[in-house]
């Protein structure tokens, strides 16, 4: 009994569907774990960036105050 072209296409589609379903079933926990680890790292980096921005703002305020003091001292000398 020989297969027709339509039957071979159906066999191929069923095979590909089996690969897709099997791959998604076995890889599910690995990808979930990697996603959670990545989300945790991203949250840590965002918190660190927020802290660095805050410190940079404080440094800029200190620079501004130092410049203002220097200008005031120069003005007082004149």
PDB file of N, CA and C in Angstrom:
ATOM      1  N   UNK A   1       0.852  -1.170   0.000  1.00  0.00           N
ATOM      2  CA  UNK A   1       0.000   0.000   0.000  1.00  0.00           C
ATOM      3  C   UNK A   1       0.898   1.233   0.000  1.00  0.00           C
ATOM      4  N   UNK A   2       0.743   2.068  -0.961  1.00  0.00           N
ATOM      5  CA  UNK A   2       1.569   3.264  -1.097  1.00  0.00           C
ATOM      6  C   UNK A   2       0.794   4.466  -0.576  1.00  0.00           C
ATOM      7  N   UNK A   3       1.540   5.403   0.004  1.00  0.00           N
ATOM      8  CA  UNK A   3       0.928   6.642   0.495  1.00  0.00           C
ATOM      9  C   UNK A   3       0.770   7.628  -0.649  1.00  0.00           C
ATOM     10  N   UNK A   4      -0.300   8.400  -0.565  1.00  0.00           N
ATOM     11  CA  UNK A   4      -0.469   9.479  -1.531  1.00  0.00           C
ATOM     12  C   UNK A   4       0.233  10.720  -0.983  1.00  0.00           C
ATOM     13  N   UNK A   5       0.346  11.727  -1.820  1.00  0.00           N
ATOM     14  CA  UNK A   5       1.010  12.965  -1.397  1.00  0.00           C
ATOM     15  C   UNK A   5       0.269  13.611  -0.231  1.00  0.00           C
ATOM     16  N   UNK A   6      -1.037  13.586  -0.236  1.00  0.00           N
ATOM     17  CA  UNK A   6      -1.820  14.158   0.861  1.00  0.00           C
ATOM     18  C   UNK A   6      -1.533  13.435   2.176  1.00  0.00           C
ATOM     19  N   UNK A   7      -1.398  12.129   2.116  1.00  0.00           N
ATOM     20  CA  UNK A   7      -1.120  11.364   3.321  1.00  0.00           C
ATOM     21  C   UNK A   7       0.285  11.661   3.861  1.00  0.00           C
ATOM     22  N   UNK A   8       1.250  11.826   2.975  1.00  0.00           N
ATOM     23  CA  UNK A   8       2.609  12.185   3.422  1.00  0.00           C
ATOM     24  C   UNK A   8       2.627  13.558   4.084  1.00  0.00           C
ATOM     25  N   UNK A   9       1.851  14.500   3.538  1.00  0.00           N
ATOM     26  CA  UNK A   9       1.766  15.836   4.133  1.00  0.00           C
ATOM     27  C   UNK A   9       1.157  15.750   5.526  1.00  0.00           C
ATOM     28  N   UNK A  10       0.138  14.944   5.681  1.00  0.00           N
ATOM     29  CA  UNK A  10      -0.494  14.772   6.996  1.00  0.00           C
ATOM     30  C   UNK A  10       0.483  14.134   7.973  1.00  0.00           C
ATOM     31  N   UNK A  11       1.227  13.124   7.540  1.00  0.00           N
ATOM     32  CA  UNK A  11       2.216  12.483   8.400  1.00  0.00           C
ATOM     33  C   UNK A  11       3.279  13.494   8.826  1.00  0.00           C
ATOM     34  N   UNK A  12       3.735  14.302   7.897  1.00  0.00           N
ATOM     35  CA  UNK A  12       4.740  15.329   8.205  1.00  0.00           C
ATOM     36  C   UNK A  12       4.191  16.354   9.203  1.00  0.00           C
ATOM     37  N   UNK A  13       2.968  16.811   9.014  1.00  0.00           N
ATOM     38  CA  UNK A  13       2.365  17.784   9.923  1.00  0.00           C
ATOM     39  C   UNK A  13       2.183  17.208  11.325  1.00  0.00           C
ATOM     40  N   UNK A  14       1.758  15.944  11.421  1.00  0.00           N
ATOM     41  CA  UNK A  14       1.601  15.292  12.724  1.00  0.00           C
ATOM     42  C   UNK A  14       2.966  15.162  13.400  1.00  0.00           C
ATOM     43  N   UNK A  15       3.991  14.817  12.637  1.00  0.00           N
ATOM     44  CA  UNK A  15       5.343  14.714  13.189  1.00  0.00           C
ATOM     45  C   UNK A  15       5.816  16.064  13.724  1.00  0.00           C
ATOM     46  N   UNK A  16       5.637  17.117  12.946  1.00  0.00           N
ATOM     47  CA  UNK A  16       6.056  18.454  13.391  1.00  0.00           C
ATOM     48  C   UNK A  16       5.262  18.911  14.613  1.00  0.00           C
ATOM     49  N   UNK A  17       3.974  18.605  14.633  1.00  0.00           N
ATOM     50  CA  UNK A  17       3.156  18.947  15.790  1.00  0.00           C
ATOM     51  C   UNK A  17       3.645  18.200  17.030  1.00  0.00           C
ATOM     52  N   UNK A  18       4.005  16.948  16.880  1.00  0.00           N
ATOM     53  CA  UNK A  18       4.547  16.173  17.998  1.00  0.00           C
ATOM     54  C   UNK A  18       5.854  16.755  18.501  1.00  0.00           C
ATOM     55  N   UNK A  19       6.730  17.184  17.594  1.00  0.00           N
ATOM     56  CA  UNK A  19       7.981  17.823  18.007  1.00  0.00           C
ATOM     57  C   UNK A  19       7.710  19.110  18.782  1.00  0.00           C
ATOM     58  N   UNK A  20       6.788  19.898  18.287  1.00  0.00           N
ATOM     59  CA  UNK A  20       6.469  21.172  18.931  1.00  0.00           C
ATOM     60  C   UNK A  20       5.882  20.951  20.326  1.00  0.00           C
ATOM     61  N   UNK A  21       4.918  20.077  20.442  1.00  0.00           N
ATOM     62  CA  UNK A  21       4.291  19.820  21.742  1.00  0.00           C
ATOM     63  C   UNK A  21       5.282  19.180  22.705  1.00  0.00           C
ATOM     64  N   UNK A  22       6.052  18.215  22.226  1.00  0.00           N
ATOM     65  CA  UNK A  22       7.044  17.577  23.082  1.00  0.00           C
ATOM     66  C   UNK A  22       8.104  18.558  23.558  1.00  0.00           C
ATOM     67  N   UNK A  23       8.563  19.412  22.660  1.00  0.00           N
ATOM     68  CA  UNK A  23       9.558  20.410  23.047  1.00  0.00           C
ATOM     69  C   UNK A  23       9.022  21.404  24.051  1.00  0.00           C
ATOM     70  N   UNK A  24       7.795  21.813  23.876  1.00  0.00           N
ATOM     71  CA  UNK A  24       7.220  22.780  24.823  1.00  0.00           C
ATOM     72  C   UNK A  24       6.953  22.137  26.189  1.00  0.00           C
ATOM     73  N   UNK A  25       6.634  20.867  26.216  1.00  0.00           N
ATOM     74  CA  UNK A  25       6.378  20.195  27.500  1.00  0.00           C
ATOM     75  C   UNK A  25       7.663  20.006  28.299  1.00  0.00           C
ATOM     76  N   UNK A  26       8.736  19.634  27.630  1.00  0.00           N
ATOM     77  CA  UNK A  26       9.982  19.359  28.351  1.00  0.00           C
ATOM     78  C   UNK A  26      10.772  20.608  28.669  1.00  0.00           C
ATOM     79  N   UNK A  27      10.625  21.655  27.888  1.00  0.00           N
ATOM     80  CA  UNK A  27      11.417  22.863  28.100  1.00  0.00           C
ATOM     81  C   UNK A  27      10.696  23.881  28.980  1.00  0.00           C
ATOM     82  N   UNK A  28       9.483  23.616  29.394  1.00  0.00           N
ATOM     83  CA  UNK A  28       8.688  24.590  30.129  1.00  0.00           C
ATOM     84  C   UNK A  28       9.336  25.088  31.408  1.00  0.00           C
ATOM     85  N   UNK A  29       9.818  24.195  32.239  1.00  0.00           N
ATOM     86  CA  UNK A  29      10.360  24.623  33.525  1.00  0.00           C
ATOM     87  C   UNK A  29      11.694  25.337  33.370  1.00  0.00           C
ATOM     88  N   UNK A  30      12.481  24.922  32.401  1.00  0.00           N
ATOM     89  CA  UNK A  30      13.782  25.559  32.195  1.00  0.00           C
ATOM     90  C   UNK A  30      13.593  27.034  31.809  1.00  0.00           C
ATOM     91  N   UNK A  31      12.687  27.298  30.901  1.00  0.00           N
ATOM     92  CA  UNK A  31      12.485  28.682  30.447  1.00  0.00           C
ATOM     93  C   UNK A  31      11.841  29.538  31.512  1.00  0.00           C
ATOM     94  N   UNK A  32      10.954  28.940  32.293  1.00  0.00           N
ATOM     95  CA  UNK A  32      10.336  29.695  33.392  1.00  0.00           C
ATOM     96  C   UNK A  32      11.379  30.102  34.420  1.00  0.00           C
ATOM     97  N   UNK A  33      12.265  29.164  34.757  1.00  0.00           N
ATOM     98  CA  UNK A  33      13.327  29.458  35.726  1.00  0.00           C
ATOM     99  C   UNK A  33      14.252  30.549  35.193  1.00  0.00           C
ATOM    100  N   UNK A  34      14.636  30.443  33.934  1.00  0.00           N
ATOM    101  CA  UNK A  34      15.511  31.461  33.344  1.00  0.00           C
ATOM    102  C   UNK A  34      14.828  32.824  33.293  1.00  0.00           C
ATOM    103  N   UNK A  35      13.534  32.841  32.992  1.00  0.00           N
ATOM    104  CA  UNK A  35      12.799  34.104  32.957  1.00  0.00           C
ATOM    105  C   UNK A  35      12.762  34.739  34.339  1.00  0.00           C
ATOM    106  N   UNK A  36      12.497  33.937  35.364  1.00  0.00           N
ATOM    107  CA  UNK A  36      12.442  34.473  36.733  1.00  0.00           C
ATOM    108  C   UNK A  36      13.798  34.988  37.183  1.00  0.00           C
ATOM    109  N   UNK A  37      14.868  34.264  36.840  1.00  0.00           N
ATOM    110  CA  UNK A  37      16.213  34.724  37.192  1.00  0.00           C
ATOM    111  C   UNK A  37      16.525  36.042  36.492  1.00  0.00           C
ATOM    112  N   UNK A  38      16.153  36.138  35.225  1.00  0.00           N
ATOM    113  CA  UNK A  38      16.397  37.363  34.471  1.00  0.00           C
ATOM    114  C   UNK A  38      15.587  38.529  35.038  1.00  0.00           C
ATOM    115  N   UNK A  39      14.344  38.269  35.426  1.00  0.00           N
ATOM    116  CA  UNK A  39      13.510  39.321  36.003  1.00  0.00           C
ATOM    117  C   UNK A  39      14.088  39.799  37.333  1.00  0.00           C
ATOM    118  N   UNK A  40      14.606  38.873  38.130  1.00  0.00           N
ATOM    119  CA  UNK A  40      15.216  39.257  39.411  1.00  0.00           C
ATOM    120  C   UNK A  40      16.472  40.088  39.182  1.00  0.00           C
ATOM    121  N   UNK A  41      17.302  39.673  38.214  1.00  0.00           N
ATOM    122  CA  UNK A  41      18.509  40.459  37.895  1.00  0.00           C
ATOM    123  C   UNK A  41      18.148  41.851  37.397  1.00  0.00           C
ATOM    124  N   UNK A  42      17.111  41.930  36.564  1.00  0.00           N
ATOM    125  CA  UNK A  42      16.684  43.223  36.026  1.00  0.00           C
ATOM    126  C   UNK A  42      16.193  44.134  37.153  1.00  0.00           C
ATOM    127  N   UNK A  43      15.469  43.569  38.127  1.00  0.00           N
ATOM    128  CA  UNK A  43      14.985  44.362  39.262  1.00  0.00           C
ATOM    129  C   UNK A  43      16.161  44.867  40.096  1.00  0.00           C
ATOM    130  N   UNK A  44      17.174  44.010  40.298  1.00  0.00           N
ATOM    131  CA  UNK A  44      18.358  44.446  41.056  1.00  0.00           C
ATOM    132  C   UNK A  44      19.087  45.564  40.333  1.00  0.00           C
ATOM    133  N   UNK A  45      19.232  45.432  39.022  1.00  0.00           N
ATOM    134  CA  UNK A  45      19.922  46.461  38.249  1.00  0.00           C
ATOM    135  C   UNK A  45      19.145  47.784  38.257  1.00  0.00           C
ATOM    136  N   UNK A  46      17.826  47.698  38.173  1.00  0.00           N
ATOM    137  CA  UNK A  46      17.019  48.915  38.214  1.00  0.00           C
ATOM    138  C   UNK A  46      17.147  49.608  39.562  1.00  0.00           C
ATOM    139  N   UNK A  47      17.185  48.840  40.646  1.00  0.00           N
ATOM    140  CA  UNK A  47      17.355  49.421  41.979  1.00  0.00           C
ATOM    141  C   UNK A  47      18.740  50.069  42.098  1.00  0.00           C
ATOM    142  N   UNK A  48      19.748  49.393  41.551  1.00  0.00           N
ATOM    143  CA  UNK A  48      21.102  49.950  41.588  1.00  0.00           C
ATOM    144  C   UNK A  48      21.185  51.232  40.754  1.00  0.00           C
ATOM    145  N   UNK A  49      20.557  51.234  39.585  1.00  0.00           N
ATOM    146  CA  UNK A  49      20.551  52.436  38.743  1.00  0.00           C
ATOM    147  C   UNK A  49      19.837  53.597  39.431  1.00  0.00           C
ATOM    148  N   UNK A  50      18.746  53.285  40.117  1.00  0.00           N
ATOM    149  CA  UNK A  50      18.012  54.322  40.838  1.00  0.00           C
ATOM    150  C   UNK A  50      18.899  54.944  41.924  1.00  0.00           C
ATOM    151  N   UNK A  51      19.628  54.085  42.649  1.00  0.00           N
ATOM    152  CA  UNK A  51      20.525  54.572  43.694  1.00  0.00           C
ATOM    153  C   UNK A  51      21.650  55.413  43.083  1.00  0.00           C
ATOM    154  N   UNK A  52      22.200  54.964  41.964  1.00  0.00           N
ATOM    155  CA  UNK A  52      23.270  55.724  41.314  1.00  0.00           C
ATOM    156  C   UNK A  52      22.773  57.082  40.813  1.00  0.00           C
ATOM    157  N   UNK A  53      21.552  57.123  40.269  1.00  0.00           N
ATOM    158  CA  UNK A  53      20.992  58.404  39.828  1.00  0.00           C
ATOM    159  C   UNK A  53      20.801  59.355  41.009  1.00  0.00           C
ATOM    160  N   UNK A  54      20.357  58.792  42.137  1.00  0.00           N
ATOM    161  CA  UNK A  54      20.165  59.610  43.333  1.00  0.00           C
ATOM    162  C   UNK A  54      21.504  60.173  43.804  1.00  0.00           C
ATOM    163  N   UNK A  55      22.539  59.315  43.834  1.00  0.00           N
ATOM    164  CA  UNK A  55      23.865  59.776  44.256  1.00  0.00           C
ATOM    165  C   UNK A  55      24.429  60.798  43.273  1.00  0.00           C
ATOM    166  N   UNK A  56      24.175  60.603  41.981  1.00  0.00           N
ATOM    167  CA  UNK A  56      24.656  61.559  40.987  1.00  0.00           C
ATOM    168  C   UNK A  56      23.964  62.903  41.174  1.00  0.00           C
ATOM    169  N   UNK A  57      22.682  62.891  41.508  1.00  0.00           N
ATOM    170  CA  UNK A  57      21.965  64.136  41.770  1.00  0.00           C
ATOM    171  C   UNK A  57      22.515  64.855  42.984  1.00  0.00           C
ATOM    172  N   UNK A  58      22.850  64.074  44.017  1.00  0.00           N
ATOM    173  CA  UNK A  58      23.447  64.678  45.213  1.00  0.00           C
ATOM    174  C   UNK A  58      24.813  65.271  44.896  1.00  0.00           C
ATOM    175  N   UNK A  59      25.595  64.568  44.084  1.00  0.00           N
ATOM    176  CA  UNK A  59      26.914  65.080  43.700  1.00  0.00           C
ATOM    177  C   UNK A  59      26.771  66.371  42.891  1.00  0.00           C
ATOM    178  N   UNK A  60      25.780  66.409  42.028  1.00  0.00           N
ATOM    179  CA  UNK A  60      25.563  67.614  41.228  1.00  0.00           C
ATOM    180  C   UNK A  60      25.161  68.775  42.138  1.00  0.00           C
ATOM    181  N   UNK A  61      24.363  68.495  43.152  1.00  0.00           N
ATOM    182  CA  UNK A  61      23.980  69.549  44.096  1.00  0.00           C
ATOM    183  C   UNK A  61      25.199  70.055  44.845  1.00  0.00           C
ATOM    184  N   UNK A  62      26.095  69.144  45.233  1.00  0.00           N
ATOM    185  CA  UNK A  62      27.318  69.551  45.920  1.00  0.00           C
ATOM    186  C   UNK A  62      28.212  70.376  45.000  1.00  0.00           C
ATOM    187  N   UNK A  63      28.307  69.971  43.729  1.00  0.00           N
ATOM    188  CA  UNK A  63      29.113  70.741  42.771  1.00  0.00           C
ATOM    189  C   UNK A  63      28.540  72.141  42.589  1.00  0.00           C
ATOM    190  N   UNK A  64      27.227  72.198  42.483  1.00  0.00           N
ATOM    191  CA  UNK A  64      26.569  73.490  42.304  1.00  0.00           C
ATOM    192  C   UNK A  64      26.828  74.389  43.519  1.00  0.00           C
ATOM    193  N   UNK A  65      26.731  73.813  44.710  1.00  0.00           N
ATOM    194  CA  UNK A  65      26.978  74.594  45.924  1.00  0.00           C
ATOM    195  C   UNK A  65      28.432  75.048  45.992  1.00  0.00           C
ATOM    196  N   UNK A  66      29.360  74.197  45.596  1.00  0.00           N
ATOM    197  CA  UNK A  66      30.777  74.567  45.605  1.00  0.00           C
ATOM    198  C   UNK A  66      31.049  75.686  44.608  1.00  0.00           C
ATOM    199  N   UNK A  67      30.439  75.587  43.422  1.00  0.00           N
ATOM    200  CA  UNK A  67      30.614  76.663  42.428  1.00  0.00           C
ATOM    201  C   UNK A  67      30.042  77.977  42.937  1.00  0.00           C
ATOM    202  N   UNK A  68      28.878  77.883  43.559  1.00  0.00           N
ATOM    203  CA  UNK A  68      28.249  79.098  44.083  1.00  0.00           C
ATOM    204  C   UNK A  68      29.125  79.724  45.162  1.00  0.00           C
ATOM    205  N   UNK A  69      29.703  78.904  46.052  1.00  0.00           N
ATOM    206  CA  UNK A  69      30.606  79.422  47.088  1.00  0.00           C
ATOM    207  C   UNK A  69      31.837  80.063  46.465  1.00  0.00           C
ATOM    208  N   UNK A  70      32.391  79.429  45.429  1.00  0.00           N
ATOM    209  CA  UNK A  70      33.579  79.982  44.775  1.00  0.00           C
ATOM    210  C   UNK A  70      33.261  81.318  44.123  1.00  0.00           C
ATOM    211  N   UNK A  71      32.101  81.404  43.493  1.00  0.00           N
ATOM    212  CA  UNK A  71      31.706  82.673  42.855  1.00  0.00           C
ATOM    213  C   UNK A  71      31.491  83.743  43.915  1.00  0.00           C
ATOM    214  N   UNK A  72      30.848  83.367  45.015  1.00  0.00           N
ATOM    215  CA  UNK A  72      30.628  84.328  46.091  1.00  0.00           C
ATOM    216  C   UNK A  72      31.948  84.811  46.687  1.00  0.00           C
ATOM    217  N   UNK A  73      32.904  83.904  46.873  1.00  0.00           N
ATOM    218  CA  UNK A  73      34.218  84.300  47.398  1.00  0.00           C
ATOM    219  C   UNK A  73      34.953  85.234  46.440  1.00  0.00           C
ATOM    220  N   UNK A  74      34.861  84.929  45.140  1.00  0.00           N
ATOM    221  CA  UNK A  74      35.499  85.800  44.148  1.00  0.00           C
ATOM    222  C   UNK A  74      34.847  87.178  44.130  1.00  0.00           C
ATOM    223  N   UNK A  75      33.539  87.209  44.282  1.00  0.00           N
ATOM    224  CA  UNK A  75      32.813  88.467  44.291  1.00  0.00           C
ATOM    225  C   UNK A  75      33.178  89.277  45.532  1.00  0.00           C
ATOM    226  N   UNK A  76      33.356  88.610  46.670  1.00  0.00           N
ATOM    227  CA  UNK A  76      33.708  89.300  47.907  1.00  0.00           C
ATOM    228  C   UNK A  76      35.123  89.891  47.835  1.00  0.00           C
ATOM    229  N   UNK A  77      36.021  89.251  47.115  1.00  0.00           N
ATOM    230  CA  UNK A  77      37.389  89.762  47.004  1.00  0.00           C
ATOM    231  C   UNK A  77      37.454  91.027  46.169  1.00  0.00           C
ATOM    232  N   UNK A  78      36.534  91.179  45.246  1.00  0.00           N
ATOM    233  CA  UNK A  78      36.575  92.356  44.379  1.00  0.00           C
ATOM    234  C   UNK A  78      36.073  93.522  45.129  1.00  0.00           C
TER     235      UNK A  78
END
